[in-house]
Amino acid sequence: MLLEIITPDKKLYEDEVKSLVLPGIDGSLGILDKHAPLISALKKGQIEVTDKASAKHNFPINGGVVEVLNNKVIVLAE
């Protein structure tokens, strides 16, 4: 699935990924390939990304919103 992490200043990340874990306001959200459509608010925490080569990446955020649709994940992060 394609992941984009965007802040008001710049695009932090854009690539195909295996999975990610997001800090949802009601608990962690795990997203895998072909996930059902979803829109959710995010709280302060870490986005944990596993890319296609199984490398791990972490991105700290102060909140935001995530949209999952048609195997594409867009994170609008603060």
C-alpha atoms as a PDB file:
ATOM      1  CA  MET A   1       0.000   0.000   0.000  1.00  0.00           C
ATOM      2  CA  LEU A   2       1.114   3.563  -0.589  1.00  0.00           C
ATOM      3  CA  LEU A   3       1.782   5.711   2.479  1.00  0.00           C
ATOM      4  CA  GLU A   4       2.103   9.496   2.552  1.00  0.00           C
ATOM      5  CA  ILE A   5       2.918  11.379   5.768  1.00  0.00           C
ATOM      6  CA  ILE A   6       2.393  15.112   5.306  1.00  0.00           C
ATOM      7  CA  THR A   7       2.971  17.989   7.753  1.00  0.00           C
ATOM      8  CA  PRO A   8       2.090  21.665   7.222  1.00  0.00           C
ATOM      9  CA  ASP A   9       5.761  22.266   6.316  1.00  0.00           C
ATOM     10  CA  LYS A  10       6.676  19.317   4.076  1.00  0.00           C
ATOM     11  CA  LYS A  11       6.063  15.739   3.015  1.00  0.00           C
ATOM     12  CA  LEU A  12       7.884  13.530   5.552  1.00  0.00           C
ATOM     13  CA  TYR A  13       7.493  10.194   3.802  1.00  0.00           C
ATOM     14  CA  GLU A  14       6.070   8.641   0.643  1.00  0.00           C
ATOM     15  CA  ASP A  15       6.619   5.003  -0.315  1.00  0.00           C
ATOM     16  CA  GLU A  16       5.081   1.558  -0.566  1.00  0.00           C
ATOM     17  CA  VAL A  17       4.870  -0.103   2.871  1.00  0.00           C
ATOM     18  CA  LYS A  18       3.933  -3.472   4.382  1.00  0.00           C
ATOM     19  CA  SER A  19       2.290  -2.121   7.529  1.00  0.00           C
ATOM     20  CA  LEU A  20       2.052   0.770   9.948  1.00  0.00           C
ATOM     21  CA  VAL A  21       0.889   1.455  13.485  1.00  0.00           C
ATOM     22  CA  LEU A  22      -0.667   4.821  14.303  1.00  0.00           C
ATOM     23  CA  PRO A  23      -1.503   6.479  17.663  1.00  0.00           C
ATOM     24  CA  GLY A  24      -5.296   6.771  17.366  1.00  0.00           C
ATOM     25  CA  ILE A  25      -7.165   8.793  19.987  1.00  0.00           C
ATOM     26  CA  ASP A  26      -8.903   5.620  21.216  1.00  0.00           C
ATOM     27  CA  GLY A  27      -5.817   3.366  20.979  1.00  0.00           C
ATOM     28  CA  SER A  28      -3.276   2.109  18.452  1.00  0.00           C
ATOM     29  CA  LEU A  29      -4.399   1.528  14.875  1.00  0.00           C
ATOM     30  CA  GLY A  30      -2.683  -1.216  12.866  1.00  0.00           C
ATOM     31  CA  ILE A  31      -2.971  -0.863   9.102  1.00  0.00           C
ATOM     32  CA  LEU A  32      -2.120  -3.674   6.673  1.00  0.00           C
ATOM     33  CA  ASP A  33      -2.390  -4.080   2.898  1.00  0.00           C
ATOM     34  CA  LYS A  34      -5.971  -3.760   1.539  1.00  0.00           C
ATOM     35  CA  HIS A  35      -7.332  -2.335   4.816  1.00  0.00           C
ATOM     36  CA  ALA A  36     -10.982  -1.277   4.896  1.00  0.00           C
ATOM     37  CA  PRO A  37     -11.685   2.449   4.333  1.00  0.00           C
ATOM     38  CA  LEU A  38     -11.105   4.494   7.480  1.00  0.00           C
ATOM     39  CA  ILE A  39     -10.842   8.077   8.718  1.00  0.00           C
ATOM     40  CA  SER A  40      -9.596   8.682  12.263  1.00  0.00           C
ATOM     41  CA  ALA A  41      -8.117  11.369  14.472  1.00  0.00           C
ATOM     42  CA  LEU A  42      -4.605  10.822  15.821  1.00  0.00           C
ATOM     43  CA  LYS A  43      -3.027  11.829  19.136  1.00  0.00           C
ATOM     44  CA  LYS A  44       0.572  12.650  20.036  1.00  0.00           C
ATOM     45  CA  GLY A  45       2.835   9.634  19.588  1.00  0.00           C
ATOM     46  CA  GLN A  46       4.895   7.668  17.068  1.00  0.00           C
ATOM     47  CA  ILE A  47       3.976   6.377  13.625  1.00  0.00           C
ATOM     48  CA  GLU A  48       5.719   3.023  13.214  1.00  0.00           C
ATOM     49  CA  VAL A  49       6.236   2.063   9.564  1.00  0.00           C
ATOM     50  CA  THR A  50       7.503  -1.238   8.132  1.00  0.00           C
ATOM     51  CA  ASP A  51       8.565  -0.735   4.516  1.00  0.00           C
ATOM     52  CA  LYS A  52       8.648  -3.334   1.713  1.00  0.00           C
ATOM     53  CA  ALA A  53      12.253  -4.287   2.644  1.00  0.00           C
ATOM     54  CA  SER A  54      11.092  -4.908   6.264  1.00  0.00           C
ATOM     55  CA  ALA A  55      13.043  -1.878   7.518  1.00  0.00           C
ATOM     56  CA  LYS A  56      11.431   0.000  10.420  1.00  0.00           C
ATOM     57  CA  HIS A  57      10.884   3.776  10.423  1.00  0.00           C
ATOM     58  CA  ASN A  58       9.463   5.925  13.252  1.00  0.00           C
ATOM     59  CA  PHE A  59       7.948   9.383  12.882  1.00  0.00           C
ATOM     60  CA  PRO A  60       6.937  11.417  15.964  1.00  0.00           C
ATOM     61  CA  ILE A  61       3.706  13.401  15.593  1.00  0.00           C
ATOM     62  CA  ASN A  62       1.717  15.785  17.792  1.00  0.00           C
ATOM     63  CA  GLY A  63      -1.654  14.671  16.443  1.00  0.00           C
ATOM     64  CA  GLY A  64      -3.444  14.731  13.129  1.00  0.00           C
ATOM     65  CA  VAL A  65      -5.794  12.759  10.896  1.00  0.00           C
ATOM     66  CA  VAL A  66      -5.426   9.544   8.879  1.00  0.00           C
ATOM     67  CA  GLU A  67      -7.401   8.448   5.819  1.00  0.00           C
ATOM     68  CA  VAL A  68      -7.250   4.923   4.391  1.00  0.00           C
ATOM     69  CA  LEU A  69      -8.897   4.480   0.982  1.00  0.00           C
ATOM     70  CA  ASN A  70      -8.190   2.253  -2.049  1.00  0.00           C
ATOM     71  CA  ASN A  71      -4.972   0.847  -0.559  1.00  0.00           C
ATOM     72  CA  LYS A  72      -3.555   4.343   0.009  1.00  0.00           C
ATOM     73  CA  VAL A  73      -2.918   5.844   3.450  1.00  0.00           C
ATOM     74  CA  ILE A  74      -2.621   9.605   3.896  1.00  0.00           C
ATOM     75  CA  VAL A  75      -1.541  10.973   7.271  1.00  0.00           C
ATOM     76  CA  LEU A  76      -1.975  14.713   7.831  1.00  0.00           C
ATOM     77  CA  ALA A  77       0.245  15.200  10.871  1.00  0.00           C
ATOM     78  CA  GLU A  78       1.018  18.110  13.170  1.00  0.00           C
END
